[in-house]
mmCIF file of all heavy atoms, coordinates in Angstrom:
data_MODEL
# 
_entry.id   MODEL 
# 
loop_
_atom_site.group_PDB 
_atom_site.id 
_atom_site.type_symbol 
_atom_site.label_atom_id 
_atom_site.label_alt_id 
_atom_site.label_comp_id 
_atom_site.label_asym_id 
_atom_site.label_entity_id 
_atom_site.label_seq_id 
_atom_site.pdbx_PDB_ins_code 
_atom_site.Cartn_x 
_atom_site.Cartn_y 
_atom_site.Cartn_z 
_atom_site.occupancy 
_atom_site.B_iso_or_equiv 
_atom_site.pdbx_formal_charge 
_atom_site.auth_seq_id 
_atom_site.auth_comp_id 
_atom_site.auth_asym_id 
_atom_site.auth_atom_id 
_atom_site.pdbx_PDB_model_num 
ATOM 1   N N   . LEU A 1 1  ? -9.453  -20.038 -1.882 1.00 0.00 ? 1  LEU A N   1 
ATOM 2   C CA  . LEU A 1 1  ? -10.249 -20.645 -0.851 1.00 0.00 ? 1  LEU A CA  1 
ATOM 3   C C   . LEU A 1 1  ? -9.410  -20.857 0.377  1.00 0.00 ? 1  LEU A C   1 
ATOM 4   O O   . LEU A 1 1  ? -9.803  -20.635 1.464  1.00 0.00 ? 1  LEU A O   1 
ATOM 5   C CB  . LEU A 1 1  ? -10.749 -22.087 -1.327 1.00 0.00 ? 1  LEU A CB  1 
ATOM 6   C CG  . LEU A 1 1  ? -12.043 -22.054 -2.172 1.00 0.00 ? 1  LEU A CG  1 
ATOM 7   C CD1 . LEU A 1 1  ? -12.301 -23.427 -2.661 1.00 0.00 ? 1  LEU A CD1 1 
ATOM 8   C CD2 . LEU A 1 1  ? -13.200 -21.543 -1.390 1.00 0.00 ? 1  LEU A CD2 1 
ATOM 9   N N   . ARG A 1 2  ? -8.121  -21.238 0.210  1.00 0.00 ? 2  ARG A N   1 
ATOM 10  C CA  . ARG A 1 2  ? -7.208  -21.270 1.350  1.00 0.00 ? 2  ARG A CA  1 
ATOM 11  C C   . ARG A 1 2  ? -7.091  -19.920 2.004  1.00 0.00 ? 2  ARG A C   1 
ATOM 12  O O   . ARG A 1 2  ? -7.090  -19.734 3.172  1.00 0.00 ? 2  ARG A O   1 
ATOM 13  C CB  . ARG A 1 2  ? -5.838  -21.874 0.890  1.00 0.00 ? 2  ARG A CB  1 
ATOM 14  C CG  . ARG A 1 2  ? -5.806  -23.293 0.539  1.00 0.00 ? 2  ARG A CG  1 
ATOM 15  C CD  . ARG A 1 2  ? -4.391  -23.855 0.490  1.00 0.00 ? 2  ARG A CD  1 
ATOM 16  N NE  . ARG A 1 2  ? -4.342  -25.059 -0.254 1.00 0.00 ? 2  ARG A NE  1 
ATOM 17  C CZ  . ARG A 1 2  ? -3.917  -25.153 -1.503 1.00 0.00 ? 2  ARG A CZ  1 
ATOM 18  N NH1 . ARG A 1 2  ? -3.504  -24.099 -2.122 1.00 0.00 ? 2  ARG A NH1 1 
ATOM 19  N NH2 . ARG A 1 2  ? -3.928  -26.361 -2.100 1.00 0.00 ? 2  ARG A NH2 1 
ATOM 20  N N   . GLN A 1 3  ? -6.908  -18.938 1.087  1.00 0.00 ? 3  GLN A N   1 
ATOM 21  C CA  . GLN A 1 3  ? -6.744  -17.513 1.647  1.00 0.00 ? 3  GLN A CA  1 
ATOM 22  C C   . GLN A 1 3  ? -7.962  -17.040 2.332  1.00 0.00 ? 3  GLN A C   1 
ATOM 23  O O   . GLN A 1 3  ? -7.867  -16.439 3.387  1.00 0.00 ? 3  GLN A O   1 
ATOM 24  C CB  . GLN A 1 3  ? -6.463  -16.503 0.450  1.00 0.00 ? 3  GLN A CB  1 
ATOM 25  C CG  . GLN A 1 3  ? -5.058  -16.760 -0.194 1.00 0.00 ? 3  GLN A CG  1 
ATOM 26  C CD  . GLN A 1 3  ? -4.851  -15.845 -1.333 1.00 0.00 ? 3  GLN A CD  1 
ATOM 27  O OE1 . GLN A 1 3  ? -5.804  -15.451 -2.019 1.00 0.00 ? 3  GLN A OE1 1 
ATOM 28  N NE2 . GLN A 1 3  ? -3.584  -15.569 -1.663 1.00 0.00 ? 3  GLN A NE2 1 
ATOM 29  N N   . SER A 1 4  ? -9.097  -17.438 1.931  1.00 0.00 ? 4  SER A N   1 
ATOM 30  C CA  . SER A 1 4  ? -10.419 -16.934 2.509  1.00 0.00 ? 4  SER A CA  1 
ATOM 31  C C   . SER A 1 4  ? -10.596 -17.514 3.845  1.00 0.00 ? 4  SER A C   1 
ATOM 32  O O   . SER A 1 4  ? -11.261 -16.995 4.691  1.00 0.00 ? 4  SER A O   1 
ATOM 33  C CB  . SER A 1 4  ? -11.579 -17.228 1.628  1.00 0.00 ? 4  SER A CB  1 
ATOM 34  O OG  . SER A 1 4  ? -11.789 -18.592 1.502  1.00 0.00 ? 4  SER A OG  1 
ATOM 35  N N   . ARG A 1 5  ? -9.933  -18.702 4.135  1.00 0.00 ? 5  ARG A N   1 
ATOM 36  C CA  . ARG A 1 5  ? -10.048 -19.335 5.378  1.00 0.00 ? 5  ARG A CA  1 
ATOM 37  C C   . ARG A 1 5  ? -9.070  -18.789 6.402  1.00 0.00 ? 5  ARG A C   1 
ATOM 38  O O   . ARG A 1 5  ? -9.253  -19.047 7.695  1.00 0.00 ? 5  ARG A O   1 
ATOM 39  C CB  . ARG A 1 5  ? -9.872  -20.881 5.313  1.00 0.00 ? 5  ARG A CB  1 
ATOM 40  C CG  . ARG A 1 5  ? -10.931 -21.567 4.545  1.00 0.00 ? 5  ARG A CG  1 
ATOM 41  C CD  . ARG A 1 5  ? -10.765 -23.068 4.597  1.00 0.00 ? 5  ARG A CD  1 
ATOM 42  N NE  . ARG A 1 5  ? -11.791 -23.766 3.858  1.00 0.00 ? 5  ARG A NE  1 
ATOM 43  C CZ  . ARG A 1 5  ? -11.499 -24.402 2.719  1.00 0.00 ? 5  ARG A CZ  1 
ATOM 44  N NH1 . ARG A 1 5  ? -10.183 -24.452 2.291  1.00 0.00 ? 5  ARG A NH1 1 
ATOM 45  N NH2 . ARG A 1 5  ? -12.375 -24.995 2.000  1.00 0.00 ? 5  ARG A NH2 1 
ATOM 46  N N   . ARG A 1 6  ? -8.067  -18.117 5.965  1.00 0.00 ? 6  ARG A N   1 
ATOM 47  C CA  . ARG A 1 6  ? -7.119  -17.455 6.934  1.00 0.00 ? 6  ARG A CA  1 
ATOM 48  C C   . ARG A 1 6  ? -7.816  -16.257 7.627  1.00 0.00 ? 6  ARG A C   1 
ATOM 49  O O   . ARG A 1 6  ? -8.752  -15.798 7.159  1.00 0.00 ? 6  ARG A O   1 
ATOM 50  C CB  . ARG A 1 6  ? -5.873  -16.978 6.152  1.00 0.00 ? 6  ARG A CB  1 
ATOM 51  C CG  . ARG A 1 6  ? -5.071  -18.148 5.549  1.00 0.00 ? 6  ARG A CG  1 
ATOM 52  C CD  . ARG A 1 6  ? -3.918  -17.563 4.727  1.00 0.00 ? 6  ARG A CD  1 
ATOM 53  N NE  . ARG A 1 6  ? -3.321  -18.607 3.861  1.00 0.00 ? 6  ARG A NE  1 
ATOM 54  C CZ  . ARG A 1 6  ? -2.505  -18.299 2.897  1.00 0.00 ? 6  ARG A CZ  1 
ATOM 55  N NH1 . ARG A 1 6  ? -2.222  -17.113 2.513  1.00 0.00 ? 6  ARG A NH1 1 
ATOM 56  N NH2 . ARG A 1 6  ? -1.999  -19.303 2.181  1.00 0.00 ? 6  ARG A NH2 1 
ATOM 57  N N   . GLN A 1 7  ? -7.187  -15.948 8.710  1.00 0.00 ? 7  GLN A N   1 
ATOM 58  C CA  . GLN A 1 7  ? -7.713  -14.807 9.468  1.00 0.00 ? 7  GLN A CA  1 
ATOM 59  C C   . GLN A 1 7  ? -7.616  -13.491 8.613  1.00 0.00 ? 7  GLN A C   1 
ATOM 60  O O   . GLN A 1 7  ? -8.407  -12.598 8.691  1.00 0.00 ? 7  GLN A O   1 
ATOM 61  C CB  . GLN A 1 7  ? -6.886  -14.588 10.785 1.00 0.00 ? 7  GLN A CB  1 
ATOM 62  C CG  . GLN A 1 7  ? -7.520  -13.637 11.637 1.00 0.00 ? 7  GLN A CG  1 
ATOM 63  C CD  . GLN A 1 7  ? -6.855  -13.640 13.004 1.00 0.00 ? 7  GLN A CD  1 
ATOM 64  O OE1 . GLN A 1 7  ? -5.871  -14.269 13.253 1.00 0.00 ? 7  GLN A OE1 1 
ATOM 65  N NE2 . GLN A 1 7  ? -7.494  -12.939 13.989 1.00 0.00 ? 7  GLN A NE2 1 
ATOM 66  N N   . ARG A 1 8  ? -6.603  -13.422 7.813  1.00 0.00 ? 8  ARG A N   1 
ATOM 67  C CA  . ARG A 1 8  ? -6.399  -12.214 7.001  1.00 0.00 ? 8  ARG A CA  1 
ATOM 68  C C   . ARG A 1 8  ? -5.574  -12.621 5.745  1.00 0.00 ? 8  ARG A C   1 
ATOM 69  O O   . ARG A 1 8  ? -4.528  -13.316 5.865  1.00 0.00 ? 8  ARG A O   1 
ATOM 70  C CB  . ARG A 1 8  ? -5.667  -11.150 7.736  1.00 0.00 ? 8  ARG A CB  1 
ATOM 71  C CG  . ARG A 1 8  ? -5.323  -9.908  6.833  1.00 0.00 ? 8  ARG A CG  1 
ATOM 72  C CD  . ARG A 1 8  ? -4.547  -8.927  7.663  1.00 0.00 ? 8  ARG A CD  1 
ATOM 73  N NE  . ARG A 1 8  ? -4.232  -7.744  6.895  1.00 0.00 ? 8  ARG A NE  1 
ATOM 74  C CZ  . ARG A 1 8  ? -3.145  -7.637  6.111  1.00 0.00 ? 8  ARG A CZ  1 
ATOM 75  N NH1 . ARG A 1 8  ? -2.329  -8.607  5.975  1.00 0.00 ? 8  ARG A NH1 1 
ATOM 76  N NH2 . ARG A 1 8  ? -2.988  -6.600  5.441  1.00 0.00 ? 8  ARG A NH2 1 
ATOM 77  N N   . VAL A 1 9  ? -6.117  -12.190 4.550  1.00 0.00 ? 9  VAL A N   1 
ATOM 78  C CA  . VAL A 1 9  ? -5.406  -12.407 3.332  1.00 0.00 ? 9  VAL A CA  1 
ATOM 79  C C   . VAL A 1 9  ? -4.290  -11.256 3.269  1.00 0.00 ? 9  VAL A C   1 
ATOM 80  O O   . VAL A 1 9  ? -4.577  -10.109 3.461  1.00 0.00 ? 9  VAL A O   1 
ATOM 81  C CB  . VAL A 1 9  ? -6.342  -12.318 2.097  1.00 0.00 ? 9  VAL A CB  1 
ATOM 82  C CG1 . VAL A 1 9  ? -5.528  -12.412 0.887  1.00 0.00 ? 9  VAL A CG1 1 
ATOM 83  C CG2 . VAL A 1 9  ? -7.416  -13.403 2.221  1.00 0.00 ? 9  VAL A CG2 1 
ATOM 84  N N   . ARG A 1 10 ? -3.104  -11.793 2.876  1.00 0.00 ? 10 ARG A N   1 
ATOM 85  C CA  . ARG A 1 10 ? -2.001  -10.777 2.756  1.00 0.00 ? 10 ARG A CA  1 
ATOM 86  C C   . ARG A 1 10 ? -2.102  -10.125 1.368  1.00 0.00 ? 10 ARG A C   1 
ATOM 87  O O   . ARG A 1 10 ? -1.650  -10.708 0.368  1.00 0.00 ? 10 ARG A O   1 
ATOM 88  C CB  . ARG A 1 10 ? -0.654  -11.433 2.928  1.00 0.00 ? 10 ARG A CB  1 
ATOM 89  C CG  . ARG A 1 10 ? -0.400  -11.885 4.310  1.00 0.00 ? 10 ARG A CG  1 
ATOM 90  C CD  . ARG A 1 10 ? 0.960   -12.615 4.369  1.00 0.00 ? 10 ARG A CD  1 
ATOM 91  N NE  . ARG A 1 10 ? 1.248   -13.033 5.723  1.00 0.00 ? 10 ARG A NE  1 
ATOM 92  C CZ  . ARG A 1 10 ? 1.939   -12.331 6.566  1.00 0.00 ? 10 ARG A CZ  1 
ATOM 93  N NH1 . ARG A 1 10 ? 2.421   -11.174 6.274  1.00 0.00 ? 10 ARG A NH1 1 
ATOM 94  N NH2 . ARG A 1 10 ? 2.145   -12.763 7.802  1.00 0.00 ? 10 ARG A NH2 1 
ATOM 95  N N   . ALA A 1 11 ? -2.749  -8.924  1.374  1.00 0.00 ? 11 ALA A N   1 
ATOM 96  C CA  . ALA A 1 11 ? -2.721  -8.097  0.161  1.00 0.00 ? 11 ALA A CA  1 
ATOM 97  C C   . ALA A 1 11 ? -1.392  -7.446  -0.056 1.00 0.00 ? 11 ALA A C   1 
ATOM 98  O O   . ALA A 1 11 ? -0.792  -7.012  0.925  1.00 0.00 ? 11 ALA A O   1 
ATOM 99  C CB  . ALA A 1 11 ? -3.842  -7.057  0.237  1.00 0.00 ? 11 ALA A CB  1 
ATOM 100 N N   . GLU A 1 12 ? -0.992  -7.373  -1.273 1.00 0.00 ? 12 GLU A N   1 
ATOM 101 C CA  . GLU A 1 12 ? 0.368   -6.871  -1.593 1.00 0.00 ? 12 GLU A CA  1 
ATOM 102 C C   . GLU A 1 12 ? 0.339   -5.752  -2.489 1.00 0.00 ? 12 GLU A C   1 
ATOM 103 O O   . GLU A 1 12 ? 0.439   -5.873  -3.744 1.00 0.00 ? 12 GLU A O   1 
ATOM 104 C CB  . GLU A 1 12 ? 1.235   -7.975  -2.102 1.00 0.00 ? 12 GLU A CB  1 
ATOM 105 C CG  . GLU A 1 12 ? 1.439   -9.180  -1.076 1.00 0.00 ? 12 GLU A CG  1 
ATOM 106 C CD  . GLU A 1 12 ? 2.336   -10.207 -1.587 1.00 0.00 ? 12 GLU A CD  1 
ATOM 107 O OE1 . GLU A 1 12 ? 2.961   -10.025 -2.690 1.00 0.00 ? 12 GLU A OE1 1 
ATOM 108 O OE2 . GLU A 1 12 ? 2.619   -11.136 -0.861 1.00 0.00 ? 12 GLU A OE2 1 
ATOM 109 N N   . PRO A 1 13 ? 0.266   -4.481  -2.004 1.00 0.00 ? 13 PRO A N   1 
ATOM 110 C CA  . PRO A 1 13 ? 0.304   -3.350  -2.904 1.00 0.00 ? 13 PRO A CA  1 
ATOM 111 C C   . PRO A 1 13 ? 1.645   -3.228  -3.542 1.00 0.00 ? 13 PRO A C   1 
ATOM 112 O O   . PRO A 1 13 ? 2.694   -3.508  -2.873 1.00 0.00 ? 13 PRO A O   1 
ATOM 113 C CB  . PRO A 1 13 ? -0.030  -2.132  -1.967 1.00 0.00 ? 13 PRO A CB  1 
ATOM 114 C CG  . PRO A 1 13 ? 0.411   -2.647  -0.633 1.00 0.00 ? 13 PRO A CG  1 
ATOM 115 C CD  . PRO A 1 13 ? 0.067   -4.124  -0.607 1.00 0.00 ? 13 PRO A CD  1 
ATOM 116 N N   . LYS A 1 14 ? 1.745   -2.890  -4.803 1.00 0.00 ? 14 LYS A N   1 
ATOM 117 C CA  . LYS A 1 14 ? 3.000   -2.688  -5.510 1.00 0.00 ? 14 LYS A CA  1 
ATOM 118 C C   . LYS A 1 14 ? 3.236   -1.226  -5.948 1.00 0.00 ? 14 LYS A C   1 
ATOM 119 O O   . LYS A 1 14 ? 4.390   -0.866  -6.091 1.00 0.00 ? 14 LYS A O   1 
ATOM 120 C CB  . LYS A 1 14 ? 3.106   -3.616  -6.734 1.00 0.00 ? 14 LYS A CB  1 
ATOM 121 C CG  . LYS A 1 14 ? 3.110   -5.094  -6.360 1.00 0.00 ? 14 LYS A CG  1 
ATOM 122 C CD  . LYS A 1 14 ? 3.445   -5.906  -7.605 1.00 0.00 ? 14 LYS A CD  1 
ATOM 123 C CE  . LYS A 1 14 ? 4.812   -5.654  -8.183 1.00 0.00 ? 14 LYS A CE  1 
ATOM 124 N NZ  . LYS A 1 14 ? 5.139   -6.546  -9.340 1.00 0.00 ? 14 LYS A NZ  1 
ATOM 125 N N   . VAL A 1 15 ? 2.166   -0.464  -6.172 1.00 0.00 ? 15 VAL A N   1 
ATOM 126 C CA  . VAL A 1 15 ? 2.258   0.853   -6.642 1.00 0.00 ? 15 VAL A CA  1 
ATOM 127 C C   . VAL A 1 15 ? 1.986   1.844   -5.555 1.00 0.00 ? 15 VAL A C   1 
ATOM 128 O O   . VAL A 1 15 ? 0.779   1.782   -5.064 1.00 0.00 ? 15 VAL A O   1 
ATOM 129 C CB  . VAL A 1 15 ? 1.455   1.033   -7.860 1.00 0.00 ? 15 VAL A CB  1 
ATOM 130 C CG1 . VAL A 1 15 ? 1.627   2.521   -8.426 1.00 0.00 ? 15 VAL A CG1 1 
ATOM 131 C CG2 . VAL A 1 15 ? 1.766   0.024   -8.968 1.00 0.00 ? 15 VAL A CG2 1 
ATOM 132 N N   . PHE A 1 16 ? 2.878   2.684   -5.192 1.00 0.00 ? 16 PHE A N   1 
ATOM 133 C CA  . PHE A 1 16 ? 2.786   3.664   -4.146 1.00 0.00 ? 16 PHE A CA  1 
ATOM 134 C C   . PHE A 1 16 ? 2.872   5.048   -4.758 1.00 0.00 ? 16 PHE A C   1 
ATOM 135 O O   . PHE A 1 16 ? 3.773   5.350   -5.460 1.00 0.00 ? 16 PHE A O   1 
ATOM 136 C CB  . PHE A 1 16 ? 3.833   3.483   -3.049 1.00 0.00 ? 16 PHE A CB  1 
ATOM 137 C CG  . PHE A 1 16 ? 3.714   2.202   -2.257 1.00 0.00 ? 16 PHE A CG  1 
ATOM 138 C CD1 . PHE A 1 16 ? 4.111   1.011   -2.770 1.00 0.00 ? 16 PHE A CD1 1 
ATOM 139 C CD2 . PHE A 1 16 ? 3.238   2.219   -0.997 1.00 0.00 ? 16 PHE A CD2 1 
ATOM 140 C CE1 . PHE A 1 16 ? 4.026   -0.175  -2.044 1.00 0.00 ? 16 PHE A CE1 1 
ATOM 141 C CE2 . PHE A 1 16 ? 3.106   1.026   -0.188 1.00 0.00 ? 16 PHE A CE2 1 
ATOM 142 C CZ  . PHE A 1 16 ? 3.495   -0.186  -0.805 1.00 0.00 ? 16 PHE A CZ  1 
ATOM 143 N N   . ALA A 1 17 ? 1.930   5.868   -4.365 1.00 0.00 ? 17 ALA A N   1 
ATOM 144 C CA  . ALA A 1 17 ? 1.925   7.277   -4.691 1.00 0.00 ? 17 ALA A CA  1 
ATOM 145 C C   . ALA A 1 17 ? 2.505   8.035   -3.520 1.00 0.00 ? 17 ALA A C   1 
ATOM 146 O O   . ALA A 1 17 ? 1.924   8.122   -2.524 1.00 0.00 ? 17 ALA A O   1 
ATOM 147 C CB  . ALA A 1 17 ? 0.557   7.802   -5.127 1.00 0.00 ? 17 ALA A CB  1 
ATOM 148 N N   . LEU A 1 18 ? 3.685   8.663   -3.759 1.00 0.00 ? 18 LEU A N   1 
ATOM 149 C CA  . LEU A 1 18 ? 4.278   9.558   -2.756 1.00 0.00 ? 18 LEU A CA  1 
ATOM 150 C C   . LEU A 1 18 ? 3.914   11.004  -3.222 1.00 0.00 ? 18 LEU A C   1 
ATOM 151 O O   . LEU A 1 18 ? 4.356   11.471  -4.268 1.00 0.00 ? 18 LEU A O   1 
ATOM 152 C CB  . LEU A 1 18 ? 5.788   9.400   -2.684 1.00 0.00 ? 18 LEU A CB  1 
ATOM 153 C CG  . LEU A 1 18 ? 6.361   8.490   -1.638 1.00 0.00 ? 18 LEU A CG  1 
ATOM 154 C CD1 . LEU A 1 18 ? 5.840   7.054   -1.906 1.00 0.00 ? 18 LEU A CD1 1 
ATOM 155 C CD2 . LEU A 1 18 ? 7.843   8.533   -1.645 1.00 0.00 ? 18 LEU A CD2 1 
ATOM 156 N N   . THR A 1 19 ? 3.029   11.633  -2.472 1.00 0.00 ? 19 THR A N   1 
ATOM 157 C CA  . THR A 1 19 ? 2.625   12.990  -2.794 1.00 0.00 ? 19 THR A CA  1 
ATOM 158 C C   . THR A 1 19 ? 2.981   13.926  -1.696 1.00 0.00 ? 19 THR A C   1 
ATOM 159 O O   . THR A 1 19 ? 2.757   13.638  -0.513 1.00 0.00 ? 19 THR A O   1 
ATOM 160 C CB  . THR A 1 19 ? 1.171   13.037  -3.159 1.00 0.00 ? 19 THR A CB  1 
ATOM 161 O OG1 . THR A 1 19 ? 0.726   14.333  -3.516 1.00 0.00 ? 19 THR A OG1 1 
ATOM 162 C CG2 . THR A 1 19 ? 0.296   12.576  -1.874 1.00 0.00 ? 19 THR A CG2 1 
ATOM 163 N N   . ALA A 1 20 ? 3.557   15.062  -2.050 1.00 0.00 ? 20 ALA A N   1 
ATOM 164 C CA  . ALA A 1 20 ? 4.013   16.034  -1.108 1.00 0.00 ? 20 ALA A CA  1 
ATOM 165 C C   . ALA A 1 20 ? 3.030   17.060  -0.839 1.00 0.00 ? 20 ALA A C   1 
ATOM 166 O O   . ALA A 1 20 ? 2.370   17.596  -1.777 1.00 0.00 ? 20 ALA A O   1 
ATOM 167 C CB  . ALA A 1 20 ? 5.335   16.693  -1.573 1.00 0.00 ? 20 ALA A CB  1 
ATOM 168 N N   . ALA A 1 21 ? 2.801   17.414  0.505  1.00 0.00 ? 21 ALA A N   1 
ATOM 169 C CA  . ALA A 1 21 ? 1.857   18.489  0.794  1.00 0.00 ? 21 ALA A CA  1 
ATOM 170 C C   . ALA A 1 21 ? 2.438   19.848  0.673  1.00 0.00 ? 21 ALA A C   1 
ATOM 171 O O   . ALA A 1 21 ? 1.715   20.824  0.756  1.00 0.00 ? 21 ALA A O   1 
ATOM 172 C CB  . ALA A 1 21 ? 1.342   18.299  2.210  1.00 0.00 ? 21 ALA A CB  1 
ATOM 173 N N   . SER A 1 22 ? 3.791   19.931  0.438  1.00 0.00 ? 22 SER A N   1 
ATOM 174 C CA  . SER A 1 22 ? 4.448   21.141  0.307  1.00 0.00 ? 22 SER A CA  1 
ATOM 175 C C   . SER A 1 22 ? 5.468   21.092  -0.850 1.00 0.00 ? 22 SER A C   1 
ATOM 176 O O   . SER A 1 22 ? 6.154   20.080  -1.047 1.00 0.00 ? 22 SER A O   1 
ATOM 177 C CB  . SER A 1 22 ? 5.199   21.499  1.579  1.00 0.00 ? 22 SER A CB  1 
ATOM 178 O OG  . SER A 1 22 ? 6.083   22.586  1.394  1.00 0.00 ? 22 SER A OG  1 
ATOM 179 N N   . PRO A 1 23 ? 5.583   22.111  -1.724 1.00 0.00 ? 23 PRO A N   1 
ATOM 180 C CA  . PRO A 1 23 ? 6.522   22.042  -2.792 1.00 0.00 ? 23 PRO A CA  1 
ATOM 181 C C   . PRO A 1 23 ? 7.995   22.204  -2.277 1.00 0.00 ? 23 PRO A C   1 
ATOM 182 O O   . PRO A 1 23 ? 8.904   21.881  -3.009 1.00 0.00 ? 23 PRO A O   1 
ATOM 183 C CB  . PRO A 1 23 ? 6.225   23.352  -3.622 1.00 0.00 ? 23 PRO A CB  1 
ATOM 184 C CG  . PRO A 1 23 ? 5.464   24.217  -2.641 1.00 0.00 ? 23 PRO A CG  1 
ATOM 185 C CD  . PRO A 1 23 ? 4.788   23.387  -1.692 1.00 0.00 ? 23 PRO A CD  1 
ATOM 186 N N   . THR A 1 24 ? 8.183   22.448  -0.953 1.00 0.00 ? 24 THR A N   1 
ATOM 187 C CA  . THR A 1 24 ? 9.533   22.462  -0.426 1.00 0.00 ? 24 THR A CA  1 
ATOM 188 C C   . THR A 1 24 ? 10.072  21.124  -0.135 1.00 0.00 ? 24 THR A C   1 
ATOM 189 O O   . THR A 1 24 ? 11.293  20.938  0.111  1.00 0.00 ? 24 THR A O   1 
ATOM 190 C CB  . THR A 1 24 ? 9.586   23.323  0.859  1.00 0.00 ? 24 THR A CB  1 
ATOM 191 O OG1 . THR A 1 24 ? 8.769   22.747  1.839  1.00 0.00 ? 24 THR A OG1 1 
ATOM 192 C CG2 . THR A 1 24 ? 9.083   24.730  0.604  1.00 0.00 ? 24 THR A CG2 1 
ATOM 193 N N   . ILE A 1 25 ? 9.242   20.117  -0.214 1.00 0.00 ? 25 ILE A N   1 
ATOM 194 C CA  . ILE A 1 25 ? 9.742   18.771  0.077  1.00 0.00 ? 25 ILE A CA  1 
ATOM 195 C C   . ILE A 1 25 ? 10.340  18.128  -1.212 1.00 0.00 ? 25 ILE A C   1 
ATOM 196 O O   . ILE A 1 25 ? 9.666   18.062  -2.267 1.00 0.00 ? 25 ILE A O   1 
ATOM 197 C CB  . ILE A 1 25 ? 8.522   17.897  0.569  1.00 0.00 ? 25 ILE A CB  1 
ATOM 198 C CG1 . ILE A 1 25 ? 8.017   18.387  1.922  1.00 0.00 ? 25 ILE A CG1 1 
ATOM 199 C CG2 . ILE A 1 25 ? 8.970   16.333  0.711  1.00 0.00 ? 25 ILE A CG2 1 
ATOM 200 C CD1 . ILE A 1 25 ? 6.783   17.671  2.423  1.00 0.00 ? 25 ILE A CD1 1 
ATOM 201 N N   . ASP A 1 26 ? 11.503  17.677  -1.091 1.00 0.00 ? 26 ASP A N   1 
ATOM 202 C CA  . ASP A 1 26 ? 12.229  17.025  -2.251 1.00 0.00 ? 26 ASP A CA  1 
ATOM 203 C C   . ASP A 1 26 ? 11.842  15.593  -2.407 1.00 0.00 ? 26 ASP A C   1 
ATOM 204 O O   . ASP A 1 26 ? 12.397  14.730  -1.873 1.00 0.00 ? 26 ASP A O   1 
ATOM 205 C CB  . ASP A 1 26 ? 13.821  17.115  -2.068 1.00 0.00 ? 26 ASP A CB  1 
ATOM 206 C CG  . ASP A 1 26 ? 14.500  16.686  -3.330 1.00 0.00 ? 26 ASP A CG  1 
ATOM 207 O OD1 . ASP A 1 26 ? 13.989  16.084  -4.164 1.00 0.00 ? 26 ASP A OD1 1 
ATOM 208 O OD2 . ASP A 1 26 ? 15.763  17.064  -3.410 1.00 0.00 ? 26 ASP A OD2 1 
ATOM 209 N N   . LEU A 1 27 ? 10.714  15.357  -3.159 1.00 0.00 ? 27 LEU A N   1 
ATOM 210 C CA  . LEU A 1 27 ? 10.137  14.058  -3.251 1.00 0.00 ? 27 LEU A CA  1 
ATOM 211 C C   . LEU A 1 27 ? 11.004  13.097  -3.994 1.00 0.00 ? 27 LEU A C   1 
ATOM 212 O O   . LEU A 1 27 ? 11.115  11.926  -3.636 1.00 0.00 ? 27 LEU A O   1 
ATOM 213 C CB  . LEU A 1 27 ? 8.858   14.133  -3.969 1.00 0.00 ? 27 LEU A CB  1 
ATOM 214 C CG  . LEU A 1 27 ? 7.574   14.276  -3.120 1.00 0.00 ? 27 LEU A CG  1 
ATOM 215 C CD1 . LEU A 1 27 ? 6.292   14.202  -4.056 1.00 0.00 ? 27 LEU A CD1 1 
ATOM 216 C CD2 . LEU A 1 27 ? 7.553   13.209  -2.039 1.00 0.00 ? 27 LEU A CD2 1 
# 
């Protein structure tokens, strides 16, 4: 309820997908 009253809730992503558009990129 406190979060919903704020202007914006701070969502916290933890899992990031790093995907390369080219096989030449050393991911």
